[in-house]
Every structure is written in C-alpha cells, then in structure tokens.
Amino acid sequence: MEKPAAPIRLRAFIEAMRRTNAPRLVEALREAAAETVSENKLIAKILQLIEKGRVFADIAVQIHAGQAVGTQDVGWHTDGPNSIIHAALSIAGSRALHSRRHADEQPSTPEETIAEKMQPGDVYVSSPAVSSGLCFTATN
C-alpha cells in the first residue's frame, strides 16, 4: 500500500503537539506509576517511547463518506502497539467517537456504549492498544 507523507502543515502541527504535550504526558504517567504497581513496566515502556520522540509519530489520515455508523454496527477492536498512545483530531466534517465505559469508571458497574459527536478541532487521546484503554476527550 502506498503511504505518501502527510501534508507539511499537518506534520508541523503534529510535531508542535508532540513537543508541547510530551512533558505533560511524562508527568501524568509518572503520577500513574506512583499509584499502580502492576502497570509500572507498561508505563516505563511508554516513558521510553516519549523520551525517544516516538509518541504521536505514526500519522494516519482517514477519510469517511456516506452513512454514519450506528453504535450497533461499530467494529470493535484493540489497536496495535503503535497506538499505545493515540490521538485523533477531527479536521473537517463531523464524526462520532464510540467507546465502551463503566459507570463512574468502576469495573464492577455495567458497561455502557457512548457515542460523542466530534467537530473540526475536537481531539481525543486514548490508549486503544491496551484492552482496558483510557480515553480523554477535549472539544475546542
């Protein structure tokens, strides 16, 4: 499959985002490492990737057209390791972010499927390569 480089403005934006947010990610992960013992190896690996400048380094541009996908038709999956930290930015049009979550983030509560509308400028950061992934959403 041919994969041409992303447009220069998009690559510049991603590089600026990486440089701006890497220190914040490191701080958040170090706080998480202090609170959890079982995931320290995963957190240490993510910190190594950030320090090497490899976070947000795999750009994929998706173009969607046609009918919206309903919650019942979502193709649920776990991403590969290159999405251990994943950021998605809506550039044009609208889309929905579908996620499955437990009420109050308590694993003992029933899982809910949530669809959040995203407009241009909205972004989410998640860890879809981790089966118990984290997801943070921000709107512009």
N, C-alpha and C. Protein backbone atom coordinates (compact mmCIF):
# COMPACT_ATOMS: atom_id res chain seq x y z
N MET A 1 0.84 -1.18 0.00
CA MET A 1 0.00 0.00 0.00
C MET A 1 0.89 1.24 0.00
N GLU A 2 0.62 2.14 -0.88
CA GLU A 2 1.37 3.39 -0.94
C GLU A 2 0.92 4.31 0.18
N LYS A 3 1.88 4.84 0.92
CA LYS A 3 1.58 5.75 2.02
C LYS A 3 2.39 7.03 1.86
N PRO A 4 1.87 7.98 1.10
CA PRO A 4 2.61 9.23 0.94
C PRO A 4 2.66 10.01 2.26
N ALA A 5 3.62 10.90 2.39
CA ALA A 5 3.75 11.71 3.59
C ALA A 5 2.52 12.60 3.76
N ALA A 6 2.18 12.87 5.01
CA ALA A 6 1.08 13.79 5.31
C ALA A 6 1.48 15.19 4.85
N PRO A 7 0.51 16.06 4.60
CA PRO A 7 0.84 17.43 4.21
C PRO A 7 1.74 18.11 5.25
N ILE A 8 2.60 18.99 4.80
CA ILE A 8 3.60 19.63 5.66
C ILE A 8 2.96 20.35 6.84
N ARG A 9 1.83 21.03 6.64
CA ARG A 9 1.17 21.74 7.75
C ARG A 9 0.70 20.76 8.82
N LEU A 10 0.17 19.62 8.40
CA LEU A 10 -0.29 18.62 9.36
C LEU A 10 0.90 18.05 10.12
N ARG A 11 1.99 17.75 9.42
CA ARG A 11 3.18 17.24 10.10
C ARG A 11 3.74 18.26 11.08
N ALA A 12 3.73 19.55 10.71
CA ALA A 12 4.21 20.61 11.61
C ALA A 12 3.31 20.70 12.85
N PHE A 13 2.00 20.59 12.64
CA PHE A 13 1.07 20.62 13.77
C PHE A 13 1.34 19.46 14.72
N ILE A 14 1.51 18.25 14.17
CA ILE A 14 1.75 17.07 14.99
C ILE A 14 3.06 17.22 15.76
N GLU A 15 4.09 17.73 15.12
CA GLU A 15 5.37 17.93 15.80
C GLU A 15 5.23 18.94 16.93
N ALA A 16 4.50 20.03 16.70
CA ALA A 16 4.28 21.02 17.75
C ALA A 16 3.47 20.41 18.89
N MET A 17 2.47 19.60 18.57
CA MET A 17 1.67 18.94 19.59
C MET A 17 2.53 18.00 20.41
N ARG A 18 3.39 17.25 19.74
CA ARG A 18 4.27 16.30 20.43
C ARG A 18 5.19 17.05 21.40
N ARG A 19 5.84 18.09 20.94
CA ARG A 19 6.80 18.83 21.78
C ARG A 19 6.09 19.51 22.95
N THR A 20 4.89 20.02 22.70
CA THR A 20 4.14 20.71 23.75
C THR A 20 3.61 19.74 24.81
N ASN A 21 3.14 18.59 24.37
CA ASN A 21 2.45 17.68 25.29
C ASN A 21 3.32 16.59 25.89
N ALA A 22 4.49 16.34 25.35
CA ALA A 22 5.35 15.28 25.89
C ALA A 22 5.64 15.49 27.39
N PRO A 23 6.02 16.69 27.82
CA PRO A 23 6.27 16.87 29.26
C PRO A 23 5.02 16.60 30.12
N ARG A 24 3.85 16.96 29.62
CA ARG A 24 2.61 16.71 30.36
C ARG A 24 2.31 15.22 30.43
N LEU A 25 2.56 14.51 29.34
CA LEU A 25 2.35 13.06 29.34
C LEU A 25 3.29 12.37 30.32
N VAL A 26 4.55 12.80 30.33
CA VAL A 26 5.54 12.22 31.24
C VAL A 26 5.09 12.45 32.68
N GLU A 27 4.66 13.65 32.99
CA GLU A 27 4.20 13.96 34.35
C GLU A 27 3.00 13.09 34.74
N ALA A 28 2.02 12.98 33.86
CA ALA A 28 0.83 12.18 34.15
C ALA A 28 1.18 10.71 34.32
N LEU A 29 2.07 10.19 33.48
CA LEU A 29 2.45 8.78 33.58
C LEU A 29 3.26 8.51 34.84
N ARG A 30 4.10 9.43 35.23
CA ARG A 30 4.88 9.23 36.46
C ARG A 30 3.94 9.23 37.68
N GLU A 31 2.90 10.07 37.65
CA GLU A 31 1.91 10.06 38.72
C GLU A 31 1.16 8.73 38.73
N ALA A 32 0.80 8.24 37.54
CA ALA A 32 0.10 6.95 37.45
C ALA A 32 1.00 5.82 37.94
N ALA A 33 2.28 5.87 37.63
CA ALA A 33 3.22 4.83 38.05
C ALA A 33 3.34 4.81 39.57
N ALA A 34 3.27 5.96 40.18
CA ALA A 34 3.36 6.03 41.64
C ALA A 34 2.13 5.40 42.29
N GLU A 35 0.99 5.42 41.59
CA GLU A 35 -0.26 4.89 42.14
C GLU A 35 -0.47 3.41 41.84
N THR A 36 0.15 2.89 40.79
CA THR A 36 -0.09 1.50 40.41
C THR A 36 1.22 0.73 40.39
N VAL A 37 1.17 -0.47 40.87
CA VAL A 37 2.36 -1.32 40.86
C VAL A 37 2.33 -2.25 39.66
N SER A 38 1.15 -2.78 39.32
CA SER A 38 1.04 -3.81 38.28
C SER A 38 1.34 -3.30 36.88
N GLU A 39 1.18 -2.01 36.62
CA GLU A 39 1.38 -1.50 35.27
C GLU A 39 2.67 -0.71 35.13
N ASN A 40 3.56 -0.77 36.10
CA ASN A 40 4.79 0.02 36.04
C ASN A 40 5.65 -0.32 34.83
N LYS A 41 5.70 -1.60 34.40
CA LYS A 41 6.50 -1.97 33.23
C LYS A 41 5.94 -1.32 31.97
N LEU A 42 4.62 -1.32 31.82
CA LEU A 42 3.99 -0.68 30.67
C LEU A 42 4.25 0.81 30.69
N ILE A 43 4.08 1.43 31.84
CA ILE A 43 4.31 2.87 31.95
C ILE A 43 5.77 3.20 31.66
N ALA A 44 6.69 2.38 32.15
CA ALA A 44 8.12 2.61 31.87
C ALA A 44 8.40 2.54 30.38
N LYS A 45 7.78 1.59 29.69
CA LYS A 45 7.97 1.46 28.23
C LYS A 45 7.42 2.69 27.51
N ILE A 46 6.25 3.16 27.92
CA ILE A 46 5.67 4.35 27.30
C ILE A 46 6.57 5.56 27.54
N LEU A 47 7.10 5.69 28.75
CA LEU A 47 8.01 6.81 29.04
C LEU A 47 9.25 6.76 28.14
N GLN A 48 9.78 5.57 27.88
CA GLN A 48 10.92 5.42 26.97
C GLN A 48 10.56 5.91 25.57
N LEU A 49 9.37 5.54 25.10
CA LEU A 49 8.94 5.96 23.76
C LEU A 49 8.80 7.47 23.68
N ILE A 50 8.25 8.08 24.72
CA ILE A 50 8.11 9.54 24.74
C ILE A 50 9.49 10.20 24.71
N GLU A 51 10.40 9.71 25.53
CA GLU A 51 11.74 10.28 25.60
C GLU A 51 12.49 10.16 24.28
N LYS A 52 12.19 9.13 23.48
CA LYS A 52 12.82 8.94 22.19
C LYS A 52 12.10 9.71 21.07
N GLY A 53 11.06 10.48 21.43
CA GLY A 53 10.34 11.26 20.43
C GLY A 53 9.43 10.43 19.54
N ARG A 54 8.99 9.29 20.03
CA ARG A 54 8.20 8.39 19.19
C ARG A 54 6.69 8.46 19.49
N VAL A 55 6.29 9.28 20.43
CA VAL A 55 4.87 9.40 20.71
C VAL A 55 4.22 10.26 19.62
N PHE A 56 3.05 9.89 19.18
CA PHE A 56 2.31 10.57 18.10
C PHE A 56 3.13 10.65 16.81
N ALA A 57 3.91 9.63 16.51
CA ALA A 57 4.79 9.65 15.35
C ALA A 57 4.25 8.87 14.16
N ASP A 58 3.18 8.14 14.33
CA ASP A 58 2.60 7.33 13.25
C ASP A 58 1.30 7.99 12.83
N ILE A 59 1.34 8.78 11.78
CA ILE A 59 0.17 9.54 11.34
C ILE A 59 -0.63 8.72 10.33
N ALA A 60 -1.92 8.64 10.57
CA ALA A 60 -2.82 8.01 9.61
C ALA A 60 -3.96 8.98 9.36
N VAL A 61 -4.24 9.23 8.10
CA VAL A 61 -5.34 10.11 7.72
C VAL A 61 -6.49 9.23 7.25
N GLN A 62 -7.64 9.43 7.85
CA GLN A 62 -8.83 8.66 7.47
C GLN A 62 -9.84 9.60 6.86
N ILE A 63 -10.43 9.17 5.76
CA ILE A 63 -11.49 9.93 5.11
C ILE A 63 -12.72 9.04 5.07
N HIS A 64 -13.78 9.56 5.61
CA HIS A 64 -15.02 8.79 5.65
C HIS A 64 -16.09 9.51 4.84
N ALA A 65 -16.91 8.75 4.20
CA ALA A 65 -18.02 9.32 3.43
C ALA A 65 -19.20 8.36 3.51
N GLY A 66 -20.37 8.89 3.29
CA GLY A 66 -21.55 8.02 3.27
C GLY A 66 -22.28 8.02 4.59
N GLN A 67 -23.03 6.95 4.82
CA GLN A 67 -23.86 6.82 6.01
C GLN A 67 -23.01 6.74 7.28
N ALA A 68 -23.53 7.32 8.33
CA ALA A 68 -22.86 7.21 9.64
C ALA A 68 -22.99 5.77 10.15
N VAL A 69 -22.01 5.34 10.90
CA VAL A 69 -22.05 4.01 11.50
C VAL A 69 -22.78 4.12 12.83
N GLY A 70 -23.82 3.35 13.00
CA GLY A 70 -24.57 3.35 14.25
C GLY A 70 -23.83 2.56 15.32
N THR A 71 -24.15 2.84 16.57
CA THR A 71 -23.50 2.17 17.69
C THR A 71 -23.57 0.65 17.56
N GLN A 72 -24.69 0.14 17.07
CA GLN A 72 -24.86 -1.31 16.94
C GLN A 72 -23.98 -1.91 15.85
N ASP A 73 -23.43 -1.09 14.94
CA ASP A 73 -22.63 -1.59 13.82
C ASP A 73 -21.14 -1.29 13.95
N VAL A 74 -20.71 -0.78 15.09
CA VAL A 74 -19.30 -0.45 15.27
C VAL A 74 -18.46 -1.73 15.25
N GLY A 75 -17.35 -1.69 14.54
CA GLY A 75 -16.43 -2.83 14.50
C GLY A 75 -15.42 -2.69 15.64
N TRP A 76 -15.76 -3.15 16.82
CA TRP A 76 -14.90 -3.01 17.99
C TRP A 76 -13.60 -3.78 17.80
N HIS A 77 -12.51 -3.19 18.24
CA HIS A 77 -11.21 -3.83 18.10
C HIS A 77 -10.22 -3.21 19.09
N THR A 78 -9.09 -3.85 19.27
CA THR A 78 -7.98 -3.31 20.05
C THR A 78 -6.88 -2.99 19.07
N ASP A 79 -6.40 -1.76 19.08
CA ASP A 79 -5.36 -1.33 18.15
C ASP A 79 -4.03 -2.03 18.46
N GLY A 80 -3.13 -1.92 17.51
CA GLY A 80 -1.79 -2.48 17.66
C GLY A 80 -0.92 -1.61 18.55
N PRO A 81 0.30 -2.07 18.83
CA PRO A 81 1.18 -1.35 19.76
C PRO A 81 1.58 0.06 19.31
N ASN A 82 1.46 0.36 18.01
CA ASN A 82 1.79 1.73 17.59
C ASN A 82 0.73 2.73 18.06
N SER A 83 -0.37 2.24 18.64
CA SER A 83 -1.40 3.11 19.21
C SER A 83 -1.41 3.02 20.74
N ILE A 84 -0.26 2.77 21.33
CA ILE A 84 -0.24 2.69 22.79
C ILE A 84 -0.67 4.02 23.38
N ILE A 85 -0.31 5.11 22.72
CA ILE A 85 -0.90 6.42 23.00
C ILE A 85 -1.36 6.94 21.64
N HIS A 86 -2.64 7.19 21.54
CA HIS A 86 -3.29 7.50 20.26
C HIS A 86 -4.01 8.84 20.40
N ALA A 87 -3.82 9.72 19.46
CA ALA A 87 -4.55 10.99 19.43
C ALA A 87 -5.28 11.07 18.11
N ALA A 88 -6.54 11.49 18.16
CA ALA A 88 -7.33 11.66 16.94
C ALA A 88 -7.86 13.08 16.91
N LEU A 89 -7.64 13.74 15.80
CA LEU A 89 -8.06 15.12 15.60
C LEU A 89 -9.05 15.17 14.45
N SER A 90 -10.19 15.78 14.69
CA SER A 90 -11.16 15.99 13.61
C SER A 90 -10.75 17.26 12.88
N ILE A 91 -10.51 17.14 11.58
CA ILE A 91 -10.07 18.29 10.79
C ILE A 91 -11.24 18.94 10.06
N ALA A 92 -12.09 18.13 9.46
CA ALA A 92 -13.24 18.66 8.72
C ALA A 92 -14.42 17.73 8.92
N GLY A 93 -15.60 18.26 8.76
CA GLY A 93 -16.80 17.43 8.91
C GLY A 93 -17.03 17.05 10.35
N SER A 94 -17.84 16.03 10.54
CA SER A 94 -18.11 15.56 11.90
C SER A 94 -17.98 14.05 11.93
N ARG A 95 -17.79 13.53 13.11
CA ARG A 95 -17.67 12.10 13.31
C ARG A 95 -18.14 11.78 14.71
N ALA A 96 -18.24 10.53 15.01
CA ALA A 96 -18.61 10.13 16.37
C ALA A 96 -17.50 9.26 16.94
N LEU A 97 -17.17 9.50 18.18
CA LEU A 97 -16.25 8.65 18.92
C LEU A 97 -17.10 7.69 19.73
N HIS A 98 -17.01 6.41 19.40
CA HIS A 98 -17.74 5.38 20.13
C HIS A 98 -16.80 4.75 21.15
N SER A 99 -17.25 4.64 22.37
CA SER A 99 -16.43 4.00 23.40
C SER A 99 -17.33 3.20 24.34
N ARG A 100 -16.71 2.21 24.95
CA ARG A 100 -17.42 1.41 25.96
C ARG A 100 -16.78 1.74 27.30
N ARG A 101 -17.63 2.11 28.23
CA ARG A 101 -17.13 2.54 29.54
C ARG A 101 -18.00 1.97 30.66
N HIS A 102 -17.39 1.90 31.81
CA HIS A 102 -18.13 1.50 33.01
C HIS A 102 -18.58 2.78 33.71
N ALA A 103 -19.78 2.76 34.28
CA ALA A 103 -20.28 3.92 35.02
C ALA A 103 -19.30 4.26 36.13
N ASP A 104 -19.01 5.54 36.28
CA ASP A 104 -18.07 6.02 37.30
C ASP A 104 -16.72 5.32 37.24
N GLU A 105 -16.37 4.79 36.06
CA GLU A 105 -15.08 4.12 35.83
C GLU A 105 -14.83 2.99 36.83
N GLN A 106 -15.88 2.37 37.32
CA GLN A 106 -15.77 1.24 38.24
C GLN A 106 -16.03 -0.05 37.47
N PRO A 107 -15.04 -0.95 37.37
CA PRO A 107 -15.21 -2.19 36.60
C PRO A 107 -16.38 -3.04 37.06
N SER A 108 -16.84 -2.86 38.29
CA SER A 108 -17.95 -3.67 38.80
C SER A 108 -19.31 -3.19 38.27
N THR A 109 -19.36 -2.01 37.65
CA THR A 109 -20.63 -1.50 37.12
C THR A 109 -20.83 -1.96 35.68
N PRO A 110 -22.08 -1.98 35.22
CA PRO A 110 -22.34 -2.41 33.83
C PRO A 110 -21.64 -1.50 32.82
N GLU A 111 -21.20 -2.10 31.73
CA GLU A 111 -20.54 -1.35 30.66
C GLU A 111 -21.59 -0.64 29.82
N GLU A 112 -21.29 0.62 29.46
CA GLU A 112 -22.18 1.40 28.62
C GLU A 112 -21.46 1.73 27.31
N THR A 113 -22.21 1.81 26.21
CA THR A 113 -21.65 2.27 24.95
C THR A 113 -22.05 3.73 24.79
N ILE A 114 -21.05 4.57 24.54
CA ILE A 114 -21.28 6.01 24.45
C ILE A 114 -20.79 6.49 23.09
N ALA A 115 -21.57 7.36 22.45
CA ALA A 115 -21.17 7.99 21.19
C ALA A 115 -21.12 9.49 21.43
N GLU A 116 -19.94 10.07 21.19
CA GLU A 116 -19.76 11.51 21.36
C GLU A 116 -19.47 12.14 20.01
N LYS A 117 -20.22 13.19 19.67
CA LYS A 117 -20.05 13.86 18.39
C LYS A 117 -18.78 14.71 18.44
N MET A 118 -17.99 14.60 17.37
CA MET A 118 -16.76 15.38 17.25
C MET A 118 -16.86 16.29 16.03
N GLN A 119 -16.50 17.53 16.24
CA GLN A 119 -16.50 18.55 15.19
C GLN A 119 -15.06 18.93 14.86
N PRO A 120 -14.82 19.69 13.79
CA PRO A 120 -13.45 20.12 13.48
C PRO A 120 -12.80 20.81 14.69
N GLY A 121 -11.58 20.39 14.99
CA GLY A 121 -10.84 20.94 16.13
C GLY A 121 -10.96 20.10 17.38
N ASP A 122 -11.93 19.19 17.44
CA ASP A 122 -12.06 18.30 18.60
C ASP A 122 -10.99 17.22 18.52
N VAL A 123 -10.53 16.78 19.67
CA VAL A 123 -9.47 15.78 19.74
C VAL A 123 -9.76 14.81 20.88
N TYR A 124 -9.31 13.58 20.71
CA TYR A 124 -9.30 12.67 21.85
C TYR A 124 -7.96 11.96 21.90
N VAL A 125 -7.56 11.62 23.11
CA VAL A 125 -6.33 10.89 23.35
C VAL A 125 -6.72 9.63 24.10
N SER A 126 -6.24 8.50 23.63
CA SER A 126 -6.61 7.24 24.26
C SER A 126 -5.45 6.26 24.21
N SER A 127 -5.68 5.11 24.78
CA SER A 127 -4.72 4.02 24.71
C SER A 127 -5.46 2.78 24.22
N PRO A 128 -5.86 2.77 22.94
CA PRO A 128 -6.63 1.65 22.42
C PRO A 128 -5.84 0.37 22.22
N ALA A 129 -4.53 0.42 22.41
CA ALA A 129 -3.72 -0.80 22.31
C ALA A 129 -3.75 -1.56 23.62
N VAL A 130 -4.26 -0.93 24.64
CA VAL A 130 -4.38 -1.56 25.96
C VAL A 130 -5.84 -1.94 26.13
N SER A 131 -6.13 -3.21 26.38
CA SER A 131 -7.52 -3.66 26.40
C SER A 131 -8.37 -2.93 27.41
N SER A 132 -7.79 -2.44 28.48
CA SER A 132 -8.57 -1.64 29.44
C SER A 132 -8.24 -0.18 29.20
N GLY A 133 -8.30 0.23 27.93
CA GLY A 133 -7.82 1.53 27.47
C GLY A 133 -8.38 2.73 28.20
N LEU A 134 -7.62 3.80 28.15
CA LEU A 134 -8.02 5.07 28.72
C LEU A 134 -8.41 5.98 27.58
N CYS A 135 -9.32 6.91 27.83
CA CYS A 135 -9.73 7.83 26.78
C CYS A 135 -10.03 9.18 27.40
N PHE A 136 -9.44 10.24 26.85
CA PHE A 136 -9.68 11.60 27.29
C PHE A 136 -10.14 12.38 26.07
N THR A 137 -11.25 13.10 26.21
CA THR A 137 -11.81 13.85 25.09
C THR A 137 -11.76 15.33 25.40
N ALA A 138 -11.40 16.13 24.41
CA ALA A 138 -11.43 17.58 24.56
C ALA A 138 -12.13 18.18 23.35
N THR A 139 -12.94 19.18 23.60
CA THR A 139 -13.56 19.87 22.48
C THR A 139 -12.98 21.27 22.40
N ASN A 140 -13.07 21.85 21.20
CA ASN A 140 -12.42 23.16 21.01
C ASN A 140 -13.22 24.28 21.63
